[in-house]
Amino acid sequence: MLDFGSPQLTLAFAMTVVLFLVKVFAAGDCLVRRPGDFVLAESLSKGAWLLILGLAVAAHLVWWYPMSLLNLVGTVAALVYLAQLRGSRY
């Protein structure tokens, strides 16, 4: 069992895992989505989103701390992707 010693460390670890899963989910959704869906949603192309989300997942793996600048940018990118493509009704 992991013993983090303080509630702050436990919260930081939980936040790291949740944000990583959000990025992986967005990248996986992008991978299986049809290219025409991106045109209908008037969004970036599938290739552009795959590049952005792939870099976000890779950055999160390298810099595991959830509040680093690259992780925050990657999280915002994943949330924008999810809002545009999963939230749109085209």
PDB file of N, CA and C in Angstrom:
ATOM      1  N   MET A   1       0.842  -1.185   0.000  1.00  0.00           N
ATOM      2  CA  MET A   1       0.000   0.000   0.000  1.00  0.00           C
ATOM      3  C   MET A   1       0.877   1.235   0.000  1.00  0.00           C
ATOM      4  N   LEU A   2       0.471   2.216  -0.756  1.00  0.00           N
ATOM      5  CA  LEU A   2       1.229   3.461  -0.818  1.00  0.00           C
ATOM      6  C   LEU A   2       0.935   4.307   0.400  1.00  0.00           C
ATOM      7  N   ASP A   3       1.995   4.800   1.023  1.00  0.00           N
ATOM      8  CA  ASP A   3       1.838   5.684   2.170  1.00  0.00           C
ATOM      9  C   ASP A   3       2.427   7.030   1.802  1.00  0.00           C
ATOM     10  N   PHE A   4       1.600   7.975   1.532  1.00  0.00           N
ATOM     11  CA  PHE A   4       2.072   9.281   1.092  1.00  0.00           C
ATOM     12  C   PHE A   4       2.403  10.191   2.260  1.00  0.00           C
ATOM     13  N   GLY A   5       1.937   9.891   3.435  1.00  0.00           N
ATOM     14  CA  GLY A   5       2.310  10.657   4.612  1.00  0.00           C
ATOM     15  C   GLY A   5       1.501  11.910   4.862  1.00  0.00           C
ATOM     16  N   SER A   6       0.877  12.459   3.852  1.00  0.00           N
ATOM     17  CA  SER A   6       0.085  13.664   4.065  1.00  0.00           C
ATOM     18  C   SER A   6      -1.063  13.710   3.064  1.00  0.00           C
ATOM     19  N   PRO A   7      -2.124  14.385   3.441  1.00  0.00           N
ATOM     20  CA  PRO A   7      -3.257  14.505   2.516  1.00  0.00           C
ATOM     21  C   PRO A   7      -2.881  15.251   1.229  1.00  0.00           C
ATOM     22  N   GLN A   8      -1.937  16.192   1.313  1.00  0.00           N
ATOM     23  CA  GLN A   8      -1.536  16.941   0.126  1.00  0.00           C
ATOM     24  C   GLN A   8      -0.880  16.028  -0.911  1.00  0.00           C
ATOM     25  N   LEU A   9      -0.028  15.114  -0.465  1.00  0.00           N
ATOM     26  CA  LEU A   9       0.612  14.192  -1.382  1.00  0.00           C
ATOM     27  C   LEU A   9      -0.405  13.228  -1.989  1.00  0.00           C
ATOM     28  N   THR A  10      -1.344  12.791  -1.182  1.00  0.00           N
ATOM     29  CA  THR A  10      -2.392  11.904  -1.681  1.00  0.00           C
ATOM     30  C   THR A  10      -3.244  12.620  -2.729  1.00  0.00           C
ATOM     31  N   LEU A  11      -3.599  13.868  -2.466  1.00  0.00           N
ATOM     32  CA  LEU A  11      -4.396  14.648  -3.413  1.00  0.00           C
ATOM     33  C   LEU A  11      -3.616  14.907  -4.703  1.00  0.00           C
ATOM     34  N   ALA A  12      -2.336  15.236  -4.593  1.00  0.00           N
ATOM     35  CA  ALA A  12      -1.516  15.472  -5.781  1.00  0.00           C
ATOM     36  C   ALA A  12      -1.407  14.210  -6.621  1.00  0.00           C
ATOM     37  N   PHE A  13      -1.247  13.068  -5.990  1.00  0.00           N
ATOM     38  CA  PHE A  13      -1.165  11.813  -6.727  1.00  0.00           C
ATOM     39  C   PHE A  13      -2.487  11.501  -7.420  1.00  0.00           C
ATOM     40  N   ALA A  14      -3.593  11.684  -6.701  1.00  0.00           N
ATOM     41  CA  ALA A  14      -4.915  11.424  -7.289  1.00  0.00           C
ATOM     42  C   ALA A  14      -5.172  12.358  -8.470  1.00  0.00           C
ATOM     43  N   MET A  15      -4.799  13.625  -8.322  1.00  0.00           N
ATOM     44  CA  MET A  15      -4.997  14.592  -9.396  1.00  0.00           C
ATOM     45  C   MET A  15      -4.130  14.223 -10.608  1.00  0.00           C
ATOM     46  N   THR A  16      -2.920  13.773 -10.362  1.00  0.00           N
ATOM     47  CA  THR A  16      -2.033  13.364 -11.446  1.00  0.00           C
ATOM     48  C   THR A  16      -2.633  12.212 -12.234  1.00  0.00           C
ATOM     49  N   VAL A  17      -3.143  11.219 -11.530  1.00  0.00           N
ATOM     50  CA  VAL A  17      -3.719  10.050 -12.199  1.00  0.00           C
ATOM     51  C   VAL A  17      -4.975  10.435 -12.986  1.00  0.00           C
ATOM     52  N   VAL A  18      -5.834  11.240 -12.403  1.00  0.00           N
ATOM     53  CA  VAL A  18      -7.078  11.639 -13.079  1.00  0.00           C
ATOM     54  C   VAL A  18      -6.773  12.455 -14.328  1.00  0.00           C
ATOM     55  N   LEU A  19      -5.863  13.417 -14.225  1.00  0.00           N
ATOM     56  CA  LEU A  19      -5.528  14.234 -15.387  1.00  0.00           C
ATOM     57  C   LEU A  19      -4.851  13.417 -16.476  1.00  0.00           C
ATOM     58  N   PHE A  20      -4.035  12.444 -16.089  1.00  0.00           N
ATOM     59  CA  PHE A  20      -3.418  11.561 -17.075  1.00  0.00           C
ATOM     60  C   PHE A  20      -4.488  10.739 -17.792  1.00  0.00           C
ATOM     61  N   LEU A  21      -5.459  10.224 -17.049  1.00  0.00           N
ATOM     62  CA  LEU A  21      -6.521   9.435 -17.664  1.00  0.00           C
ATOM     63  C   LEU A  21      -7.388  10.271 -18.594  1.00  0.00           C
ATOM     64  N   VAL A  22      -7.608  11.529 -18.268  1.00  0.00           N
ATOM     65  CA  VAL A  22      -8.361  12.421 -19.158  1.00  0.00           C
ATOM     66  C   VAL A  22      -7.622  12.575 -20.479  1.00  0.00           C
ATOM     67  N   LYS A  23      -6.304  12.765 -20.412  1.00  0.00           N
ATOM     68  CA  LYS A  23      -5.515  12.922 -21.644  1.00  0.00           C
ATOM     69  C   LYS A  23      -5.494  11.637 -22.458  1.00  0.00           C
ATOM     70  N   VAL A  24      -5.354  10.522 -21.808  1.00  0.00           N
ATOM     71  CA  VAL A  24      -5.345   9.240 -22.522  1.00  0.00           C
ATOM     72  C   VAL A  24      -6.713   8.985 -23.152  1.00  0.00           C
ATOM     73  N   PHE A  25      -7.783   9.297 -22.440  1.00  0.00           N
ATOM     74  CA  PHE A  25      -9.131   9.122 -22.992  1.00  0.00           C
ATOM     75  C   PHE A  25      -9.327  10.003 -24.222  1.00  0.00           C
ATOM     76  N   ALA A  26      -8.896  11.267 -24.142  1.00  0.00           N
ATOM     77  CA  ALA A  26      -9.049  12.176 -25.282  1.00  0.00           C
ATOM     78  C   ALA A  26      -8.233  11.681 -26.475  1.00  0.00           C
ATOM     79  N   ALA A  27      -7.014  11.226 -26.239  1.00  0.00           N
ATOM     80  CA  ALA A  27      -6.178  10.717 -27.327  1.00  0.00           C
ATOM     81  C   ALA A  27      -6.788   9.454 -27.937  1.00  0.00           C
ATOM     82  N   GLY A  28      -7.303   8.574 -27.109  1.00  0.00           N
ATOM     83  CA  GLY A  28      -7.951   7.362 -27.613  1.00  0.00           C
ATOM     84  C   GLY A  28      -9.204   7.665 -28.404  1.00  0.00           C
ATOM     85  N   ASP A  29      -9.981   8.624 -27.939  1.00  0.00           N
ATOM     86  CA  ASP A  29     -11.178   9.026 -28.669  1.00  0.00           C
ATOM     87  C   ASP A  29     -10.813   9.625 -30.017  1.00  0.00           C
ATOM     88  N   CYS A  30      -9.771  10.414 -30.035  1.00  0.00           N
ATOM     89  CA  CYS A  30      -9.310  11.019 -31.279  1.00  0.00           C
ATOM     90  C   CYS A  30      -8.825   9.952 -32.256  1.00  0.00           C
ATOM     91  N   LEU A  31      -8.182   8.950 -31.739  1.00  0.00           N
ATOM     92  CA  LEU A  31      -7.631   7.890 -32.584  1.00  0.00           C
ATOM     93  C   LEU A  31      -8.723   7.120 -33.318  1.00  0.00           C
ATOM     94  N   VAL A  32      -9.860   6.888 -32.676  1.00  0.00           N
ATOM     95  CA  VAL A  32     -10.915   6.076 -33.290  1.00  0.00           C
ATOM     96  C   VAL A  32     -11.983   6.906 -34.010  1.00  0.00           C
ATOM     97  N   ARG A  33     -11.934   8.202 -33.867  1.00  0.00           N
ATOM     98  CA  ARG A  33     -12.939   9.062 -34.505  1.00  0.00           C
ATOM     99  C   ARG A  33     -12.660   9.197 -36.002  1.00  0.00           C
ATOM    100  N   ARG A  34     -13.711   9.276 -36.811  1.00  0.00           N
ATOM    101  CA  ARG A  34     -13.579   9.428 -38.262  1.00  0.00           C
ATOM    102  C   ARG A  34     -13.091  10.840 -38.608  1.00  0.00           C
ATOM    103  N   PRO A  35     -12.271  10.977 -39.642  1.00  0.00           N
ATOM    104  CA  PRO A  35     -11.785  12.310 -40.035  1.00  0.00           C
ATOM    105  C   PRO A  35     -12.908  13.284 -40.401  1.00  0.00           C
ATOM    106  N   GLY A  36     -14.005  12.777 -40.921  1.00  0.00           N
ATOM    107  CA  GLY A  36     -15.121  13.646 -41.272  1.00  0.00           C
ATOM    108  C   GLY A  36     -15.762  14.322 -40.070  1.00  0.00           C
ATOM    109  N   ASP A  37     -15.657  13.694 -38.913  1.00  0.00           N
ATOM    110  CA  ASP A  37     -16.221  14.294 -37.702  1.00  0.00           C
ATOM    111  C   ASP A  37     -15.540  15.617 -37.351  1.00  0.00           C
ATOM    112  N   PHE A  38     -14.267  15.719 -37.657  1.00  0.00           N
ATOM    113  CA  PHE A  38     -13.510  16.942 -37.352  1.00  0.00           C
ATOM    114  C   PHE A  38     -13.951  18.076 -38.264  1.00  0.00           C
ATOM    115  N   VAL A  39     -14.249  17.739 -39.517  1.00  0.00           N
ATOM    116  CA  VAL A  39     -14.733  18.741 -40.462  1.00  0.00           C
ATOM    117  C   VAL A  39     -16.120  19.222 -40.040  1.00  0.00           C
ATOM    118  N   LEU A  40     -16.975  18.290 -39.682  1.00  0.00           N
ATOM    119  CA  LEU A  40     -18.333  18.656 -39.267  1.00  0.00           C
ATOM    120  C   LEU A  40     -18.340  19.497 -37.991  1.00  0.00           C
ATOM    121  N   ALA A  41     -17.397  19.245 -37.097  1.00  0.00           N
ATOM    122  CA  ALA A  41     -17.323  20.004 -35.847  1.00  0.00           C
ATOM    123  C   ALA A  41     -16.578  21.323 -36.033  1.00  0.00           C
ATOM    124  N   GLU A  42     -16.084  21.580 -37.261  1.00  0.00           N
ATOM    125  CA  GLU A  42     -15.318  22.787 -37.565  1.00  0.00           C
ATOM    126  C   GLU A  42     -14.147  22.952 -36.607  1.00  0.00           C
ATOM    127  N   SER A  43     -13.385  21.884 -36.467  1.00  0.00           N
ATOM    128  CA  SER A  43     -12.268  21.842 -35.537  1.00  0.00           C
ATOM    129  C   SER A  43     -10.967  21.647 -36.315  1.00  0.00           C
ATOM    130  N   LEU A  44      -9.879  21.504 -35.587  1.00  0.00           N
ATOM    131  CA  LEU A  44      -8.606  21.156 -36.210  1.00  0.00           C
ATOM    132  C   LEU A  44      -8.728  19.787 -36.858  1.00  0.00           C
ATOM    133  N   SER A  45      -7.778  19.458 -37.703  1.00  0.00           N
ATOM    134  CA  SER A  45      -7.812  18.155 -38.366  1.00  0.00           C
ATOM    135  C   SER A  45      -7.489  17.035 -37.372  1.00  0.00           C
ATOM    136  N   LYS A  46      -7.800  15.816 -37.776  1.00  0.00           N
ATOM    137  CA  LYS A  46      -7.528  14.666 -36.924  1.00  0.00           C
ATOM    138  C   LYS A  46      -6.032  14.538 -36.651  1.00  0.00           C
ATOM    139  N   GLY A  47      -5.208  14.748 -37.664  1.00  0.00           N
ATOM    140  CA  GLY A  47      -3.766  14.666 -37.491  1.00  0.00           C
ATOM    141  C   GLY A  47      -3.234  15.688 -36.499  1.00  0.00           C
ATOM    142  N   ALA A  48      -3.766  16.904 -36.569  1.00  0.00           N
ATOM    143  CA  ALA A  48      -3.329  17.954 -35.637  1.00  0.00           C
ATOM    144  C   ALA A  48      -3.697  17.586 -34.201  1.00  0.00           C
ATOM    145  N   TRP A  49      -4.925  17.096 -34.008  1.00  0.00           N
ATOM    146  CA  TRP A  49      -5.342  16.714 -32.663  1.00  0.00           C
ATOM    147  C   TRP A  49      -4.548  15.515 -32.147  1.00  0.00           C
ATOM    148  N   LEU A  50      -4.255  14.556 -33.028  1.00  0.00           N
ATOM    149  CA  LEU A  50      -3.448  13.414 -32.599  1.00  0.00           C
ATOM    150  C   LEU A  50      -2.059  13.866 -32.159  1.00  0.00           C
ATOM    151  N   LEU A  51      -1.475  14.800 -32.879  1.00  0.00           N
ATOM    152  CA  LEU A  51      -0.165  15.322 -32.505  1.00  0.00           C
ATOM    153  C   LEU A  51      -0.220  16.049 -31.165  1.00  0.00           C
ATOM    154  N   ILE A  52      -1.189  16.927 -31.003  1.00  0.00           N
ATOM    155  CA  ILE A  52      -1.320  17.703 -29.766  1.00  0.00           C
ATOM    156  C   ILE A  52      -1.563  16.781 -28.568  1.00  0.00           C
ATOM    157  N   LEU A  53      -2.510  15.860 -28.707  1.00  0.00           N
ATOM    158  CA  LEU A  53      -2.845  14.982 -27.586  1.00  0.00           C
ATOM    159  C   LEU A  53      -1.749  13.969 -27.312  1.00  0.00           C
ATOM    160  N   GLY A  54      -1.076  13.497 -28.354  1.00  0.00           N
ATOM    161  CA  GLY A  54       0.050  12.589 -28.155  1.00  0.00           C
ATOM    162  C   GLY A  54       1.183  13.264 -27.396  1.00  0.00           C
ATOM    163  N   LEU A  55       1.473  14.518 -27.754  1.00  0.00           N
ATOM    164  CA  LEU A  55       2.493  15.270 -27.019  1.00  0.00           C
ATOM    165  C   LEU A  55       2.061  15.527 -25.570  1.00  0.00           C
ATOM    166  N   ALA A  56       0.771  15.763 -25.358  1.00  0.00           N
ATOM    167  CA  ALA A  56       0.277  15.989 -23.998  1.00  0.00           C
ATOM    168  C   ALA A  56       0.456  14.745 -23.141  1.00  0.00           C
ATOM    169  N   VAL A  57       0.149  13.573 -23.696  1.00  0.00           N
ATOM    170  CA  VAL A  57       0.323  12.319 -22.945  1.00  0.00           C
ATOM    171  C   VAL A  57       1.807  12.073 -22.685  1.00  0.00           C
ATOM    172  N   ALA A  58       2.647  12.293 -23.700  1.00  0.00           N
ATOM    173  CA  ALA A  58       4.089  12.077 -23.527  1.00  0.00           C
ATOM    174  C   ALA A  58       4.673  13.029 -22.493  1.00  0.00           C
ATOM    175  N   ALA A  59       4.254  14.293 -22.521  1.00  0.00           N
ATOM    176  CA  ALA A  59       4.746  15.258 -21.538  1.00  0.00           C
ATOM    177  C   ALA A  59       4.321  14.861 -20.129  1.00  0.00           C
ATOM    178  N   HIS A  60       3.117  14.341 -19.997  1.00  0.00           N
ATOM    179  CA  HIS A  60       2.652  13.922 -18.681  1.00  0.00           C
ATOM    180  C   HIS A  60       3.465  12.731 -18.165  1.00  0.00           C
ATOM    181  N   LEU A  61       3.865  11.853 -19.062  1.00  0.00           N
ATOM    182  CA  LEU A  61       4.682  10.721 -18.647  1.00  0.00           C
ATOM    183  C   LEU A  61       6.079  11.156 -18.208  1.00  0.00           C
ATOM    184  N   VAL A  62       6.606  12.190 -18.854  1.00  0.00           N
ATOM    185  CA  VAL A  62       7.948  12.668 -18.512  1.00  0.00           C
ATOM    186  C   VAL A  62       7.913  13.531 -17.251  1.00  0.00           C
ATOM    187  N   TRP A  63       6.996  14.492 -17.208  1.00  0.00           N
ATOM    188  CA  TRP A  63       6.849  15.364 -16.041  1.00  0.00           C
ATOM    189  C   TRP A  63       5.565  14.981 -15.333  1.00  0.00           C
ATOM    190  N   TRP A  64       5.653  14.117 -14.374  1.00  0.00           N
ATOM    191  CA  TRP A  64       4.492  13.509 -13.731  1.00  0.00           C
ATOM    192  C   TRP A  64       3.758  14.472 -12.821  1.00  0.00           C
ATOM    193  N   TYR A  65       4.412  15.557 -12.393  1.00  0.00           N
ATOM    194  CA  TYR A  65       3.769  16.509 -11.488  1.00  0.00           C
ATOM    195  C   TYR A  65       2.629  17.215 -12.215  1.00  0.00           C
ATOM    196  N   PRO A  66       1.410  17.189 -11.671  1.00  0.00           N
ATOM    197  CA  PRO A  66       0.246  17.676 -12.421  1.00  0.00           C
ATOM    198  C   PRO A  66       0.217  19.182 -12.638  1.00  0.00           C
ATOM    199  N   MET A  67       0.952  19.941 -11.845  1.00  0.00           N
ATOM    200  CA  MET A  67       0.882  21.390 -11.965  1.00  0.00           C
ATOM    201  C   MET A  67       2.032  21.980 -12.781  1.00  0.00           C
ATOM    202  N   SER A  68       2.794  21.135 -13.467  1.00  0.00           N
ATOM    203  CA  SER A  68       3.836  21.684 -14.338  1.00  0.00           C
ATOM    204  C   SER A  68       3.173  22.343 -15.540  1.00  0.00           C
ATOM    205  N   LEU A  69       3.879  23.278 -16.145  1.00  0.00           N
ATOM    206  CA  LEU A  69       3.295  24.066 -17.224  1.00  0.00           C
ATOM    207  C   LEU A  69       2.856  23.195 -18.399  1.00  0.00           C
ATOM    208  N   LEU A  70       3.691  22.256 -18.803  1.00  0.00           N
ATOM    209  CA  LEU A  70       3.315  21.398 -19.934  1.00  0.00           C
ATOM    210  C   LEU A  70       2.116  20.521 -19.606  1.00  0.00           C
ATOM    211  N   ASN A  71       2.011  20.054 -18.384  1.00  0.00           N
ATOM    212  CA  ASN A  71       0.845  19.251 -18.018  1.00  0.00           C
ATOM    213  C   ASN A  71      -0.425  20.087 -17.998  1.00  0.00           C
ATOM    214  N   LEU A  72      -0.325  21.314 -17.543  1.00  0.00           N
ATOM    215  CA  LEU A  72      -1.511  22.173 -17.550  1.00  0.00           C
ATOM    216  C   LEU A  72      -1.948  22.491 -18.985  1.00  0.00           C
ATOM    217  N   VAL A  73      -0.989  22.782 -19.848  1.00  0.00           N
ATOM    218  CA  VAL A  73      -1.317  23.056 -21.256  1.00  0.00           C
ATOM    219  C   VAL A  73      -1.924  21.812 -21.906  1.00  0.00           C
ATOM    220  N   GLY A  74      -1.356  20.652 -21.628  1.00  0.00           N
ATOM    221  CA  GLY A  74      -1.888  19.411 -22.178  1.00  0.00           C
ATOM    222  C   GLY A  74      -3.286  19.104 -21.674  1.00  0.00           C
ATOM    223  N   THR A  75      -3.530  19.396 -20.415  1.00  0.00           N
ATOM    224  CA  THR A  75      -4.864  19.173 -19.855  1.00  0.00           C
ATOM    225  C   THR A  75      -5.884  20.096 -20.510  1.00  0.00           C
ATOM    226  N   VAL A  76      -5.516  21.355 -20.699  1.00  0.00           N
ATOM    227  CA  VAL A  76      -6.423  22.295 -21.371  1.00  0.00           C
ATOM    228  C   VAL A  76      -6.694  21.830 -22.797  1.00  0.00           C
ATOM    229  N   ALA A  77      -5.652  21.368 -23.498  1.00  0.00           N
ATOM    230  CA  ALA A  77      -5.845  20.872 -24.869  1.00  0.00           C
ATOM    231  C   ALA A  77      -6.792  19.677 -24.891  1.00  0.00           C
ATOM    232  N   ALA A  78      -6.633  18.755 -23.956  1.00  0.00           N
ATOM    233  CA  ALA A  78      -7.510  17.581 -23.904  1.00  0.00           C
ATOM    234  C   ALA A  78      -8.947  17.993 -23.605  1.00  0.00           C
ATOM    235  N   LEU A  79      -9.131  18.944 -22.715  1.00  0.00           N
ATOM    236  CA  LEU A  79     -10.482  19.394 -22.379  1.00  0.00           C
ATOM    237  C   LEU A  79     -11.121  20.147 -23.546  1.00  0.00           C
ATOM    238  N   VAL A  80     -10.323  20.929 -24.271  1.00  0.00           N
ATOM    239  CA  VAL A  80     -10.848  21.620 -25.456  1.00  0.00           C
ATOM    240  C   VAL A  80     -11.264  20.607 -26.510  1.00  0.00           C
ATOM    241  N   TYR A  81     -10.417  19.597 -26.726  1.00  0.00           N
ATOM    242  CA  TYR A  81     -10.767  18.545 -27.691  1.00  0.00           C
ATOM    243  C   TYR A  81     -12.082  17.875 -27.290  1.00  0.00           C
ATOM    244  N   LEU A  82     -12.190  17.488 -26.030  1.00  0.00           N
ATOM    245  CA  LEU A  82     -13.397  16.795 -25.577  1.00  0.00           C
ATOM    246  C   LEU A  82     -14.631  17.691 -25.710  1.00  0.00           C
ATOM    247  N   ALA A  83     -14.485  18.977 -25.421  1.00  0.00           N
ATOM    248  CA  ALA A  83     -15.616  19.895 -25.545  1.00  0.00           C
ATOM    249  C   ALA A  83     -16.024  20.077 -27.005  1.00  0.00           C
ATOM    250  N   GLN A  84     -15.037  20.159 -27.892  1.00  0.00           N
ATOM    251  CA  GLN A  84     -15.355  20.387 -29.301  1.00  0.00           C
ATOM    252  C   GLN A  84     -15.902  19.155 -29.997  1.00  0.00           C
ATOM    253  N   LEU A  85     -15.269  18.018 -29.774  1.00  0.00           N
ATOM    254  CA  LEU A  85     -15.631  16.838 -30.552  1.00  0.00           C
ATOM    255  C   LEU A  85     -16.657  15.956 -29.866  1.00  0.00           C
ATOM    256  N   ARG A  86     -16.559  15.794 -28.574  1.00  0.00           N
ATOM    257  CA  ARG A  86     -17.539  14.945 -27.892  1.00  0.00           C
ATOM    258  C   ARG A  86     -18.757  15.741 -27.485  1.00  0.00           C
ATOM    259  N   GLY A  87     -18.603  17.039 -27.305  1.00  0.00           N
ATOM    260  CA  GLY A  87     -19.717  17.862 -26.872  1.00  0.00           C
ATOM    261  C   GLY A  87     -20.519  18.462 -28.008  1.00  0.00           C
ATOM    262  N   SER A  88     -20.004  18.360 -29.237  1.00  0.00           N
ATOM    263  CA  SER A  88     -20.718  18.983 -30.348  1.00  0.00           C
ATOM    264  C   SER A  88     -21.806  18.056 -30.882  1.00  0.00           C
ATOM    265  N   ARG A  89     -22.837  18.636 -31.371  1.00  0.00           N
ATOM    266  CA  ARG A  89     -23.941  17.888 -31.982  1.00  0.00           C
ATOM    267  C   ARG A  89     -24.012  18.274 -33.438  1.00  0.00           C
ATOM    268  N   TYR A  90     -23.176  17.681 -34.254  1.00  0.00           N
ATOM    269  CA  TYR A  90     -23.128  18.030 -35.662  1.00  0.00           C
ATOM    270  C   TYR A  90     -24.027  17.189 -36.482  1.00  0.00           C
TER     271      TYR A  90
END
